[in-house]
Amino acid sequence: HYRQKNKVIWATYEGGDILFGTLS
């Protein structure tokens, strides 16, 4: 699930073997 503010990007992700993750 991606989010954006101007040129900044972040997301959360989960499923399969991944309990919870973030990207920034």
PDBML (XML) file of the C-alpha atoms, coordinates in Angstrom:
<?xml version="1.0" encoding="UTF-8" ?>
<PDBx:datablock datablockName="MODEL"
   xmlns:PDBx="http://pdbml.pdb.org/schema/pdbx-v50.xsd"
   xmlns:xsi="http://www.w3.org/2001/XMLSchema-instance"
   xsi:schemaLocation="http://pdbml.pdb.org/schema/pdbx-v50.xsd pdbx-v50.xsd">
   <PDBx:atom_siteCategory>
      <PDBx:atom_site id="1">
         <PDBx:B_iso_or_equiv>0.00</PDBx:B_iso_or_equiv>
         <PDBx:Cartn_x>0.000</PDBx:Cartn_x>
         <PDBx:Cartn_y>0.000</PDBx:Cartn_y>
         <PDBx:Cartn_z>0.000</PDBx:Cartn_z>
         <PDBx:auth_asym_id>A</PDBx:auth_asym_id>
         <PDBx:auth_atom_id>CA</PDBx:auth_atom_id>
         <PDBx:auth_comp_id>HIS</PDBx:auth_comp_id>
         <PDBx:auth_seq_id>1</PDBx:auth_seq_id>
         <PDBx:group_PDB>ATOM</PDBx:group_PDB>
         <PDBx:label_alt_id xsi:nil="true" />
         <PDBx:label_asym_id>A</PDBx:label_asym_id>
         <PDBx:label_atom_id>CA</PDBx:label_atom_id>
         <PDBx:label_comp_id>HIS</PDBx:label_comp_id>
         <PDBx:label_entity_id>1</PDBx:label_entity_id>
         <PDBx:label_seq_id>1</PDBx:label_seq_id>
         <PDBx:occupancy>1.00</PDBx:occupancy>
         <PDBx:pdbx_PDB_model_num>1</PDBx:pdbx_PDB_model_num>
         <PDBx:type_symbol>C</PDBx:type_symbol>
      </PDBx:atom_site>
      <PDBx:atom_site id="2">
         <PDBx:B_iso_or_equiv>0.00</PDBx:B_iso_or_equiv>
         <PDBx:Cartn_x>1.859</PDBx:Cartn_x>
         <PDBx:Cartn_y>3.065</PDBx:Cartn_y>
         <PDBx:Cartn_z>-1.331</PDBx:Cartn_z>
         <PDBx:auth_asym_id>A</PDBx:auth_asym_id>
         <PDBx:auth_atom_id>CA</PDBx:auth_atom_id>
         <PDBx:auth_comp_id>TYR</PDBx:auth_comp_id>
         <PDBx:auth_seq_id>2</PDBx:auth_seq_id>
         <PDBx:group_PDB>ATOM</PDBx:group_PDB>
         <PDBx:label_alt_id xsi:nil="true" />
         <PDBx:label_asym_id>A</PDBx:label_asym_id>
         <PDBx:label_atom_id>CA</PDBx:label_atom_id>
         <PDBx:label_comp_id>TYR</PDBx:label_comp_id>
         <PDBx:label_entity_id>1</PDBx:label_entity_id>
         <PDBx:label_seq_id>2</PDBx:label_seq_id>
         <PDBx:occupancy>1.00</PDBx:occupancy>
         <PDBx:pdbx_PDB_model_num>1</PDBx:pdbx_PDB_model_num>
         <PDBx:type_symbol>C</PDBx:type_symbol>
      </PDBx:atom_site>
      <PDBx:atom_site id="3">
         <PDBx:B_iso_or_equiv>0.00</PDBx:B_iso_or_equiv>
         <PDBx:Cartn_x>1.515</PDBx:Cartn_x>
         <PDBx:Cartn_y>6.663</PDBx:Cartn_y>
         <PDBx:Cartn_z>-0.162</PDBx:Cartn_z>
         <PDBx:auth_asym_id>A</PDBx:auth_asym_id>
         <PDBx:auth_atom_id>CA</PDBx:auth_atom_id>
         <PDBx:auth_comp_id>ARG</PDBx:auth_comp_id>
         <PDBx:auth_seq_id>3</PDBx:auth_seq_id>
         <PDBx:group_PDB>ATOM</PDBx:group_PDB>
         <PDBx:label_alt_id xsi:nil="true" />
         <PDBx:label_asym_id>A</PDBx:label_asym_id>
         <PDBx:label_atom_id>CA</PDBx:label_atom_id>
         <PDBx:label_comp_id>ARG</PDBx:label_comp_id>
         <PDBx:label_entity_id>1</PDBx:label_entity_id>
         <PDBx:label_seq_id>3</PDBx:label_seq_id>
         <PDBx:occupancy>1.00</PDBx:occupancy>
         <PDBx:pdbx_PDB_model_num>1</PDBx:pdbx_PDB_model_num>
         <PDBx:type_symbol>C</PDBx:type_symbol>
      </PDBx:atom_site>
      <PDBx:atom_site id="4">
         <PDBx:B_iso_or_equiv>0.00</PDBx:B_iso_or_equiv>
         <PDBx:Cartn_x>3.003</PDBx:Cartn_x>
         <PDBx:Cartn_y>9.859</PDBx:Cartn_y>
         <PDBx:Cartn_z>-1.546</PDBx:Cartn_z>
         <PDBx:auth_asym_id>A</PDBx:auth_asym_id>
         <PDBx:auth_atom_id>CA</PDBx:auth_atom_id>
         <PDBx:auth_comp_id>GLN</PDBx:auth_comp_id>
         <PDBx:auth_seq_id>4</PDBx:auth_seq_id>
         <PDBx:group_PDB>ATOM</PDBx:group_PDB>
         <PDBx:label_alt_id xsi:nil="true" />
         <PDBx:label_asym_id>A</PDBx:label_asym_id>
         <PDBx:label_atom_id>CA</PDBx:label_atom_id>
         <PDBx:label_comp_id>GLN</PDBx:label_comp_id>
         <PDBx:label_entity_id>1</PDBx:label_entity_id>
         <PDBx:label_seq_id>4</PDBx:label_seq_id>
         <PDBx:occupancy>1.00</PDBx:occupancy>
         <PDBx:pdbx_PDB_model_num>1</PDBx:pdbx_PDB_model_num>
         <PDBx:type_symbol>C</PDBx:type_symbol>
      </PDBx:atom_site>
      <PDBx:atom_site id="5">
         <PDBx:B_iso_or_equiv>0.00</PDBx:B_iso_or_equiv>
         <PDBx:Cartn_x>3.539</PDBx:Cartn_x>
         <PDBx:Cartn_y>13.448</PDBx:Cartn_y>
         <PDBx:Cartn_z>-0.454</PDBx:Cartn_z>
         <PDBx:auth_asym_id>A</PDBx:auth_asym_id>
         <PDBx:auth_atom_id>CA</PDBx:auth_atom_id>
         <PDBx:auth_comp_id>LYS</PDBx:auth_comp_id>
         <PDBx:auth_seq_id>5</PDBx:auth_seq_id>
         <PDBx:group_PDB>ATOM</PDBx:group_PDB>
         <PDBx:label_alt_id xsi:nil="true" />
         <PDBx:label_asym_id>A</PDBx:label_asym_id>
         <PDBx:label_atom_id>CA</PDBx:label_atom_id>
         <PDBx:label_comp_id>LYS</PDBx:label_comp_id>
         <PDBx:label_entity_id>1</PDBx:label_entity_id>
         <PDBx:label_seq_id>5</PDBx:label_seq_id>
         <PDBx:occupancy>1.00</PDBx:occupancy>
         <PDBx:pdbx_PDB_model_num>1</PDBx:pdbx_PDB_model_num>
         <PDBx:type_symbol>C</PDBx:type_symbol>
      </PDBx:atom_site>
      <PDBx:atom_site id="6">
         <PDBx:B_iso_or_equiv>0.00</PDBx:B_iso_or_equiv>
         <PDBx:Cartn_x>5.191</PDBx:Cartn_x>
         <PDBx:Cartn_y>15.511</PDBx:Cartn_y>
         <PDBx:Cartn_z>-3.197</PDBx:Cartn_z>
         <PDBx:auth_asym_id>A</PDBx:auth_asym_id>
         <PDBx:auth_atom_id>CA</PDBx:auth_atom_id>
         <PDBx:auth_comp_id>ASN</PDBx:auth_comp_id>
         <PDBx:auth_seq_id>6</PDBx:auth_seq_id>
         <PDBx:group_PDB>ATOM</PDBx:group_PDB>
         <PDBx:label_alt_id xsi:nil="true" />
         <PDBx:label_asym_id>A</PDBx:label_asym_id>
         <PDBx:label_atom_id>CA</PDBx:label_atom_id>
         <PDBx:label_comp_id>ASN</PDBx:label_comp_id>
         <PDBx:label_entity_id>1</PDBx:label_entity_id>
         <PDBx:label_seq_id>6</PDBx:label_seq_id>
         <PDBx:occupancy>1.00</PDBx:occupancy>
         <PDBx:pdbx_PDB_model_num>1</PDBx:pdbx_PDB_model_num>
         <PDBx:type_symbol>C</PDBx:type_symbol>
      </PDBx:atom_site>
      <PDBx:atom_site id="7">
         <PDBx:B_iso_or_equiv>0.00</PDBx:B_iso_or_equiv>
         <PDBx:Cartn_x>8.329</PDBx:Cartn_x>
         <PDBx:Cartn_y>13.498</PDBx:Cartn_y>
         <PDBx:Cartn_z>-4.091</PDBx:Cartn_z>
         <PDBx:auth_asym_id>A</PDBx:auth_asym_id>
         <PDBx:auth_atom_id>CA</PDBx:auth_atom_id>
         <PDBx:auth_comp_id>LYS</PDBx:auth_comp_id>
         <PDBx:auth_seq_id>7</PDBx:auth_seq_id>
         <PDBx:group_PDB>ATOM</PDBx:group_PDB>
         <PDBx:label_alt_id xsi:nil="true" />
         <PDBx:label_asym_id>A</PDBx:label_asym_id>
         <PDBx:label_atom_id>CA</PDBx:label_atom_id>
         <PDBx:label_comp_id>LYS</PDBx:label_comp_id>
         <PDBx:label_entity_id>1</PDBx:label_entity_id>
         <PDBx:label_seq_id>7</PDBx:label_seq_id>
         <PDBx:occupancy>1.00</PDBx:occupancy>
         <PDBx:pdbx_PDB_model_num>1</PDBx:pdbx_PDB_model_num>
         <PDBx:type_symbol>C</PDBx:type_symbol>
      </PDBx:atom_site>
      <PDBx:atom_site id="8">
         <PDBx:B_iso_or_equiv>0.00</PDBx:B_iso_or_equiv>
         <PDBx:Cartn_x>8.346</PDBx:Cartn_x>
         <PDBx:Cartn_y>11.453</PDBx:Cartn_y>
         <PDBx:Cartn_z>-0.861</PDBx:Cartn_z>
         <PDBx:auth_asym_id>A</PDBx:auth_asym_id>
         <PDBx:auth_atom_id>CA</PDBx:auth_atom_id>
         <PDBx:auth_comp_id>VAL</PDBx:auth_comp_id>
         <PDBx:auth_seq_id>8</PDBx:auth_seq_id>
         <PDBx:group_PDB>ATOM</PDBx:group_PDB>
         <PDBx:label_alt_id xsi:nil="true" />
         <PDBx:label_asym_id>A</PDBx:label_asym_id>
         <PDBx:label_atom_id>CA</PDBx:label_atom_id>
         <PDBx:label_comp_id>VAL</PDBx:label_comp_id>
         <PDBx:label_entity_id>1</PDBx:label_entity_id>
         <PDBx:label_seq_id>8</PDBx:label_seq_id>
         <PDBx:occupancy>1.00</PDBx:occupancy>
         <PDBx:pdbx_PDB_model_num>1</PDBx:pdbx_PDB_model_num>
         <PDBx:type_symbol>C</PDBx:type_symbol>
      </PDBx:atom_site>
      <PDBx:atom_site id="9">
         <PDBx:B_iso_or_equiv>0.00</PDBx:B_iso_or_equiv>
         <PDBx:Cartn_x>7.164</PDBx:Cartn_x>
         <PDBx:Cartn_y>7.829</PDBx:Cartn_y>
         <PDBx:Cartn_z>-1.157</PDBx:Cartn_z>
         <PDBx:auth_asym_id>A</PDBx:auth_asym_id>
         <PDBx:auth_atom_id>CA</PDBx:auth_atom_id>
         <PDBx:auth_comp_id>ILE</PDBx:auth_comp_id>
         <PDBx:auth_seq_id>9</PDBx:auth_seq_id>
         <PDBx:group_PDB>ATOM</PDBx:group_PDB>
         <PDBx:label_alt_id xsi:nil="true" />
         <PDBx:label_asym_id>A</PDBx:label_asym_id>
         <PDBx:label_atom_id>CA</PDBx:label_atom_id>
         <PDBx:label_comp_id>ILE</PDBx:label_comp_id>
         <PDBx:label_entity_id>1</PDBx:label_entity_id>
         <PDBx:label_seq_id>9</PDBx:label_seq_id>
         <PDBx:occupancy>1.00</PDBx:occupancy>
         <PDBx:pdbx_PDB_model_num>1</PDBx:pdbx_PDB_model_num>
         <PDBx:type_symbol>C</PDBx:type_symbol>
      </PDBx:atom_site>
      <PDBx:atom_site id="10">
         <PDBx:B_iso_or_equiv>0.00</PDBx:B_iso_or_equiv>
         <PDBx:Cartn_x>6.410</PDBx:Cartn_x>
         <PDBx:Cartn_y>5.341</PDBx:Cartn_y>
         <PDBx:Cartn_z>1.602</PDBx:Cartn_z>
         <PDBx:auth_asym_id>A</PDBx:auth_asym_id>
         <PDBx:auth_atom_id>CA</PDBx:auth_atom_id>
         <PDBx:auth_comp_id>TRP</PDBx:auth_comp_id>
         <PDBx:auth_seq_id>10</PDBx:auth_seq_id>
         <PDBx:group_PDB>ATOM</PDBx:group_PDB>
         <PDBx:label_alt_id xsi:nil="true" />
         <PDBx:label_asym_id>A</PDBx:label_asym_id>
         <PDBx:label_atom_id>CA</PDBx:label_atom_id>
         <PDBx:label_comp_id>TRP</PDBx:label_comp_id>
         <PDBx:label_entity_id>1</PDBx:label_entity_id>
         <PDBx:label_seq_id>10</PDBx:label_seq_id>
         <PDBx:occupancy>1.00</PDBx:occupancy>
         <PDBx:pdbx_PDB_model_num>1</PDBx:pdbx_PDB_model_num>
         <PDBx:type_symbol>C</PDBx:type_symbol>
      </PDBx:atom_site>
      <PDBx:atom_site id="11">
         <PDBx:B_iso_or_equiv>0.00</PDBx:B_iso_or_equiv>
         <PDBx:Cartn_x>4.509</PDBx:Cartn_x>
         <PDBx:Cartn_y>2.075</PDBx:Cartn_y>
         <PDBx:Cartn_z>1.820</PDBx:Cartn_z>
         <PDBx:auth_asym_id>A</PDBx:auth_asym_id>
         <PDBx:auth_atom_id>CA</PDBx:auth_atom_id>
         <PDBx:auth_comp_id>ALA</PDBx:auth_comp_id>
         <PDBx:auth_seq_id>11</PDBx:auth_seq_id>
         <PDBx:group_PDB>ATOM</PDBx:group_PDB>
         <PDBx:label_alt_id xsi:nil="true" />
         <PDBx:label_asym_id>A</PDBx:label_asym_id>
         <PDBx:label_atom_id>CA</PDBx:label_atom_id>
         <PDBx:label_comp_id>ALA</PDBx:label_comp_id>
         <PDBx:label_entity_id>1</PDBx:label_entity_id>
         <PDBx:label_seq_id>11</PDBx:label_seq_id>
         <PDBx:occupancy>1.00</PDBx:occupancy>
         <PDBx:pdbx_PDB_model_num>1</PDBx:pdbx_PDB_model_num>
         <PDBx:type_symbol>C</PDBx:type_symbol>
      </PDBx:atom_site>
      <PDBx:atom_site id="12">
         <PDBx:B_iso_or_equiv>0.00</PDBx:B_iso_or_equiv>
         <PDBx:Cartn_x>3.550</PDBx:Cartn_x>
         <PDBx:Cartn_y>-0.778</PDBx:Cartn_y>
         <PDBx:Cartn_z>4.071</PDBx:Cartn_z>
         <PDBx:auth_asym_id>A</PDBx:auth_asym_id>
         <PDBx:auth_atom_id>CA</PDBx:auth_atom_id>
         <PDBx:auth_comp_id>THR</PDBx:auth_comp_id>
         <PDBx:auth_seq_id>12</PDBx:auth_seq_id>
         <PDBx:group_PDB>ATOM</PDBx:group_PDB>
         <PDBx:label_alt_id xsi:nil="true" />
         <PDBx:label_asym_id>A</PDBx:label_asym_id>
         <PDBx:label_atom_id>CA</PDBx:label_atom_id>
         <PDBx:label_comp_id>THR</PDBx:label_comp_id>
         <PDBx:label_entity_id>1</PDBx:label_entity_id>
         <PDBx:label_seq_id>12</PDBx:label_seq_id>
         <PDBx:occupancy>1.00</PDBx:occupancy>
         <PDBx:pdbx_PDB_model_num>1</PDBx:pdbx_PDB_model_num>
         <PDBx:type_symbol>C</PDBx:type_symbol>
      </PDBx:atom_site>
      <PDBx:atom_site id="13">
         <PDBx:B_iso_or_equiv>0.00</PDBx:B_iso_or_equiv>
         <PDBx:Cartn_x>3.487</PDBx:Cartn_x>
         <PDBx:Cartn_y>-4.377</PDBx:Cartn_y>
         <PDBx:Cartn_z>2.910</PDBx:Cartn_z>
         <PDBx:auth_asym_id>A</PDBx:auth_asym_id>
         <PDBx:auth_atom_id>CA</PDBx:auth_atom_id>
         <PDBx:auth_comp_id>TYR</PDBx:auth_comp_id>
         <PDBx:auth_seq_id>13</PDBx:auth_seq_id>
         <PDBx:group_PDB>ATOM</PDBx:group_PDB>
         <PDBx:label_alt_id xsi:nil="true" />
         <PDBx:label_asym_id>A</PDBx:label_asym_id>
         <PDBx:label_atom_id>CA</PDBx:label_atom_id>
         <PDBx:label_comp_id>TYR</PDBx:label_comp_id>
         <PDBx:label_entity_id>1</PDBx:label_entity_id>
         <PDBx:label_seq_id>13</PDBx:label_seq_id>
         <PDBx:occupancy>1.00</PDBx:occupancy>
         <PDBx:pdbx_PDB_model_num>1</PDBx:pdbx_PDB_model_num>
         <PDBx:type_symbol>C</PDBx:type_symbol>
      </PDBx:atom_site>
      <PDBx:atom_site id="14">
         <PDBx:B_iso_or_equiv>0.00</PDBx:B_iso_or_equiv>
         <PDBx:Cartn_x>2.576</PDBx:Cartn_x>
         <PDBx:Cartn_y>-7.800</PDBx:Cartn_y>
         <PDBx:Cartn_z>4.252</PDBx:Cartn_z>
         <PDBx:auth_asym_id>A</PDBx:auth_asym_id>
         <PDBx:auth_atom_id>CA</PDBx:auth_atom_id>
         <PDBx:auth_comp_id>GLU</PDBx:auth_comp_id>
         <PDBx:auth_seq_id>14</PDBx:auth_seq_id>
         <PDBx:group_PDB>ATOM</PDBx:group_PDB>
         <PDBx:label_alt_id xsi:nil="true" />
         <PDBx:label_asym_id>A</PDBx:label_asym_id>
         <PDBx:label_atom_id>CA</PDBx:label_atom_id>
         <PDBx:label_comp_id>GLU</PDBx:label_comp_id>
         <PDBx:label_entity_id>1</PDBx:label_entity_id>
         <PDBx:label_seq_id>14</PDBx:label_seq_id>
         <PDBx:occupancy>1.00</PDBx:occupancy>
         <PDBx:pdbx_PDB_model_num>1</PDBx:pdbx_PDB_model_num>
         <PDBx:type_symbol>C</PDBx:type_symbol>
      </PDBx:atom_site>
      <PDBx:atom_site id="15">
         <PDBx:B_iso_or_equiv>0.00</PDBx:B_iso_or_equiv>
         <PDBx:Cartn_x>1.555</PDBx:Cartn_x>
         <PDBx:Cartn_y>-11.263</PDBx:Cartn_y>
         <PDBx:Cartn_z>3.176</PDBx:Cartn_z>
         <PDBx:auth_asym_id>A</PDBx:auth_asym_id>
         <PDBx:auth_atom_id>CA</PDBx:auth_atom_id>
         <PDBx:auth_comp_id>GLY</PDBx:auth_comp_id>
         <PDBx:auth_seq_id>15</PDBx:auth_seq_id>
         <PDBx:group_PDB>ATOM</PDBx:group_PDB>
         <PDBx:label_alt_id xsi:nil="true" />
         <PDBx:label_asym_id>A</PDBx:label_asym_id>
         <PDBx:label_atom_id>CA</PDBx:label_atom_id>
         <PDBx:label_comp_id>GLY</PDBx:label_comp_id>
         <PDBx:label_entity_id>1</PDBx:label_entity_id>
         <PDBx:label_seq_id>15</PDBx:label_seq_id>
         <PDBx:occupancy>1.00</PDBx:occupancy>
         <PDBx:pdbx_PDB_model_num>1</PDBx:pdbx_PDB_model_num>
         <PDBx:type_symbol>C</PDBx:type_symbol>
      </PDBx:atom_site>
      <PDBx:atom_site id="16">
         <PDBx:B_iso_or_equiv>0.00</PDBx:B_iso_or_equiv>
         <PDBx:Cartn_x>3.124</PDBx:Cartn_x>
         <PDBx:Cartn_y>-14.615</PDBx:Cartn_y>
         <PDBx:Cartn_z>2.456</PDBx:Cartn_z>
         <PDBx:auth_asym_id>A</PDBx:auth_asym_id>
         <PDBx:auth_atom_id>CA</PDBx:auth_atom_id>
         <PDBx:auth_comp_id>GLY</PDBx:auth_comp_id>
         <PDBx:auth_seq_id>16</PDBx:auth_seq_id>
         <PDBx:group_PDB>ATOM</PDBx:group_PDB>
         <PDBx:label_alt_id xsi:nil="true" />
         <PDBx:label_asym_id>A</PDBx:label_asym_id>
         <PDBx:label_atom_id>CA</PDBx:label_atom_id>
         <PDBx:label_comp_id>GLY</PDBx:label_comp_id>
         <PDBx:label_entity_id>1</PDBx:label_entity_id>
         <PDBx:label_seq_id>16</PDBx:label_seq_id>
         <PDBx:occupancy>1.00</PDBx:occupancy>
         <PDBx:pdbx_PDB_model_num>1</PDBx:pdbx_PDB_model_num>
         <PDBx:type_symbol>C</PDBx:type_symbol>
      </PDBx:atom_site>
      <PDBx:atom_site id="17">
         <PDBx:B_iso_or_equiv>0.00</PDBx:B_iso_or_equiv>
         <PDBx:Cartn_x>6.256</PDBx:Cartn_x>
         <PDBx:Cartn_y>-15.006</PDBx:Cartn_y>
         <PDBx:Cartn_z>4.590</PDBx:Cartn_z>
         <PDBx:auth_asym_id>A</PDBx:auth_asym_id>
         <PDBx:auth_atom_id>CA</PDBx:auth_atom_id>
         <PDBx:auth_comp_id>ASP</PDBx:auth_comp_id>
         <PDBx:auth_seq_id>17</PDBx:auth_seq_id>
         <PDBx:group_PDB>ATOM</PDBx:group_PDB>
         <PDBx:label_alt_id xsi:nil="true" />
         <PDBx:label_asym_id>A</PDBx:label_asym_id>
         <PDBx:label_atom_id>CA</PDBx:label_atom_id>
         <PDBx:label_comp_id>ASP</PDBx:label_comp_id>
         <PDBx:label_entity_id>1</PDBx:label_entity_id>
         <PDBx:label_seq_id>17</PDBx:label_seq_id>
         <PDBx:occupancy>1.00</PDBx:occupancy>
         <PDBx:pdbx_PDB_model_num>1</PDBx:pdbx_PDB_model_num>
         <PDBx:type_symbol>C</PDBx:type_symbol>
      </PDBx:atom_site>
      <PDBx:atom_site id="18">
         <PDBx:B_iso_or_equiv>0.00</PDBx:B_iso_or_equiv>
         <PDBx:Cartn_x>6.280</PDBx:Cartn_x>
         <PDBx:Cartn_y>-11.268</PDBx:Cartn_y>
         <PDBx:Cartn_z>5.376</PDBx:Cartn_z>
         <PDBx:auth_asym_id>A</PDBx:auth_asym_id>
         <PDBx:auth_atom_id>CA</PDBx:auth_atom_id>
         <PDBx:auth_comp_id>ILE</PDBx:auth_comp_id>
         <PDBx:auth_seq_id>18</PDBx:auth_seq_id>
         <PDBx:group_PDB>ATOM</PDBx:group_PDB>
         <PDBx:label_alt_id xsi:nil="true" />
         <PDBx:label_asym_id>A</PDBx:label_asym_id>
         <PDBx:label_atom_id>CA</PDBx:label_atom_id>
         <PDBx:label_comp_id>ILE</PDBx:label_comp_id>
         <PDBx:label_entity_id>1</PDBx:label_entity_id>
         <PDBx:label_seq_id>18</PDBx:label_seq_id>
         <PDBx:occupancy>1.00</PDBx:occupancy>
         <PDBx:pdbx_PDB_model_num>1</PDBx:pdbx_PDB_model_num>
         <PDBx:type_symbol>C</PDBx:type_symbol>
      </PDBx:atom_site>
      <PDBx:atom_site id="19">
         <PDBx:B_iso_or_equiv>0.00</PDBx:B_iso_or_equiv>
         <PDBx:Cartn_x>4.597</PDBx:Cartn_x>
         <PDBx:Cartn_y>-10.420</PDBx:Cartn_y>
         <PDBx:Cartn_z>8.660</PDBx:Cartn_z>
         <PDBx:auth_asym_id>A</PDBx:auth_asym_id>
         <PDBx:auth_atom_id>CA</PDBx:auth_atom_id>
         <PDBx:auth_comp_id>LEU</PDBx:auth_comp_id>
         <PDBx:auth_seq_id>19</PDBx:auth_seq_id>
         <PDBx:group_PDB>ATOM</PDBx:group_PDB>
         <PDBx:label_alt_id xsi:nil="true" />
         <PDBx:label_asym_id>A</PDBx:label_asym_id>
         <PDBx:label_atom_id>CA</PDBx:label_atom_id>
         <PDBx:label_comp_id>LEU</PDBx:label_comp_id>
         <PDBx:label_entity_id>1</PDBx:label_entity_id>
         <PDBx:label_seq_id>19</PDBx:label_seq_id>
         <PDBx:occupancy>1.00</PDBx:occupancy>
         <PDBx:pdbx_PDB_model_num>1</PDBx:pdbx_PDB_model_num>
         <PDBx:type_symbol>C</PDBx:type_symbol>
      </PDBx:atom_site>
      <PDBx:atom_site id="20">
         <PDBx:B_iso_or_equiv>0.00</PDBx:B_iso_or_equiv>
         <PDBx:Cartn_x>4.954</PDBx:Cartn_x>
         <PDBx:Cartn_y>-6.650</PDBx:Cartn_y>
         <PDBx:Cartn_z>8.176</PDBx:Cartn_z>
         <PDBx:auth_asym_id>A</PDBx:auth_asym_id>
         <PDBx:auth_atom_id>CA</PDBx:auth_atom_id>
         <PDBx:auth_comp_id>PHE</PDBx:auth_comp_id>
         <PDBx:auth_seq_id>20</PDBx:auth_seq_id>
         <PDBx:group_PDB>ATOM</PDBx:group_PDB>
         <PDBx:label_alt_id xsi:nil="true" />
         <PDBx:label_asym_id>A</PDBx:label_asym_id>
         <PDBx:label_atom_id>CA</PDBx:label_atom_id>
         <PDBx:label_comp_id>PHE</PDBx:label_comp_id>
         <PDBx:label_entity_id>1</PDBx:label_entity_id>
         <PDBx:label_seq_id>20</PDBx:label_seq_id>
         <PDBx:occupancy>1.00</PDBx:occupancy>
         <PDBx:pdbx_PDB_model_num>1</PDBx:pdbx_PDB_model_num>
         <PDBx:type_symbol>C</PDBx:type_symbol>
      </PDBx:atom_site>
      <PDBx:atom_site id="21">
         <PDBx:B_iso_or_equiv>0.00</PDBx:B_iso_or_equiv>
         <PDBx:Cartn_x>7.230</PDBx:Cartn_x>
         <PDBx:Cartn_y>-4.343</PDBx:Cartn_y>
         <PDBx:Cartn_z>6.194</PDBx:Cartn_z>
         <PDBx:auth_asym_id>A</PDBx:auth_asym_id>
         <PDBx:auth_atom_id>CA</PDBx:auth_atom_id>
         <PDBx:auth_comp_id>GLY</PDBx:auth_comp_id>
         <PDBx:auth_seq_id>21</PDBx:auth_seq_id>
         <PDBx:group_PDB>ATOM</PDBx:group_PDB>
         <PDBx:label_alt_id xsi:nil="true" />
         <PDBx:label_asym_id>A</PDBx:label_asym_id>
         <PDBx:label_atom_id>CA</PDBx:label_atom_id>
         <PDBx:label_comp_id>GLY</PDBx:label_comp_id>
         <PDBx:label_entity_id>1</PDBx:label_entity_id>
         <PDBx:label_seq_id>21</PDBx:label_seq_id>
         <PDBx:occupancy>1.00</PDBx:occupancy>
         <PDBx:pdbx_PDB_model_num>1</PDBx:pdbx_PDB_model_num>
         <PDBx:type_symbol>C</PDBx:type_symbol>
      </PDBx:atom_site>
      <PDBx:atom_site id="22">
         <PDBx:B_iso_or_equiv>0.00</PDBx:B_iso_or_equiv>
         <PDBx:Cartn_x>7.814</PDBx:Cartn_x>
         <PDBx:Cartn_y>-0.699</PDBx:Cartn_y>
         <PDBx:Cartn_z>5.362</PDBx:Cartn_z>
         <PDBx:auth_asym_id>A</PDBx:auth_asym_id>
         <PDBx:auth_atom_id>CA</PDBx:auth_atom_id>
         <PDBx:auth_comp_id>THR</PDBx:auth_comp_id>
         <PDBx:auth_seq_id>22</PDBx:auth_seq_id>
         <PDBx:group_PDB>ATOM</PDBx:group_PDB>
         <PDBx:label_alt_id xsi:nil="true" />
         <PDBx:label_asym_id>A</PDBx:label_asym_id>
         <PDBx:label_atom_id>CA</PDBx:label_atom_id>
         <PDBx:label_comp_id>THR</PDBx:label_comp_id>
         <PDBx:label_entity_id>1</PDBx:label_entity_id>
         <PDBx:label_seq_id>22</PDBx:label_seq_id>
         <PDBx:occupancy>1.00</PDBx:occupancy>
         <PDBx:pdbx_PDB_model_num>1</PDBx:pdbx_PDB_model_num>
         <PDBx:type_symbol>C</PDBx:type_symbol>
      </PDBx:atom_site>
      <PDBx:atom_site id="23">
         <PDBx:B_iso_or_equiv>0.00</PDBx:B_iso_or_equiv>
         <PDBx:Cartn_x>9.600</PDBx:Cartn_x>
         <PDBx:Cartn_y>1.172</PDBx:Cartn_y>
         <PDBx:Cartn_z>2.626</PDBx:Cartn_z>
         <PDBx:auth_asym_id>A</PDBx:auth_asym_id>
         <PDBx:auth_atom_id>CA</PDBx:auth_atom_id>
         <PDBx:auth_comp_id>LEU</PDBx:auth_comp_id>
         <PDBx:auth_seq_id>23</PDBx:auth_seq_id>
         <PDBx:group_PDB>ATOM</PDBx:group_PDB>
         <PDBx:label_alt_id xsi:nil="true" />
         <PDBx:label_asym_id>A</PDBx:label_asym_id>
         <PDBx:label_atom_id>CA</PDBx:label_atom_id>
         <PDBx:label_comp_id>LEU</PDBx:label_comp_id>
         <PDBx:label_entity_id>1</PDBx:label_entity_id>
         <PDBx:label_seq_id>23</PDBx:label_seq_id>
         <PDBx:occupancy>1.00</PDBx:occupancy>
         <PDBx:pdbx_PDB_model_num>1</PDBx:pdbx_PDB_model_num>
         <PDBx:type_symbol>C</PDBx:type_symbol>
      </PDBx:atom_site>
      <PDBx:atom_site id="24">
         <PDBx:B_iso_or_equiv>0.00</PDBx:B_iso_or_equiv>
         <PDBx:Cartn_x>10.559</PDBx:Cartn_x>
         <PDBx:Cartn_y>4.824</PDBx:Cartn_y>
         <PDBx:Cartn_z>2.497</PDBx:Cartn_z>
         <PDBx:auth_asym_id>A</PDBx:auth_asym_id>
         <PDBx:auth_atom_id>CA</PDBx:auth_atom_id>
         <PDBx:auth_comp_id>SER</PDBx:auth_comp_id>
         <PDBx:auth_seq_id>24</PDBx:auth_seq_id>
         <PDBx:group_PDB>ATOM</PDBx:group_PDB>
         <PDBx:label_alt_id xsi:nil="true" />
         <PDBx:label_asym_id>A</PDBx:label_asym_id>
         <PDBx:label_atom_id>CA</PDBx:label_atom_id>
         <PDBx:label_comp_id>SER</PDBx:label_comp_id>
         <PDBx:label_entity_id>1</PDBx:label_entity_id>
         <PDBx:label_seq_id>24</PDBx:label_seq_id>
         <PDBx:occupancy>1.00</PDBx:occupancy>
         <PDBx:pdbx_PDB_model_num>1</PDBx:pdbx_PDB_model_num>
         <PDBx:type_symbol>C</PDBx:type_symbol>
      </PDBx:atom_site>
   </PDBx:atom_siteCategory>
</PDBx:datablock>
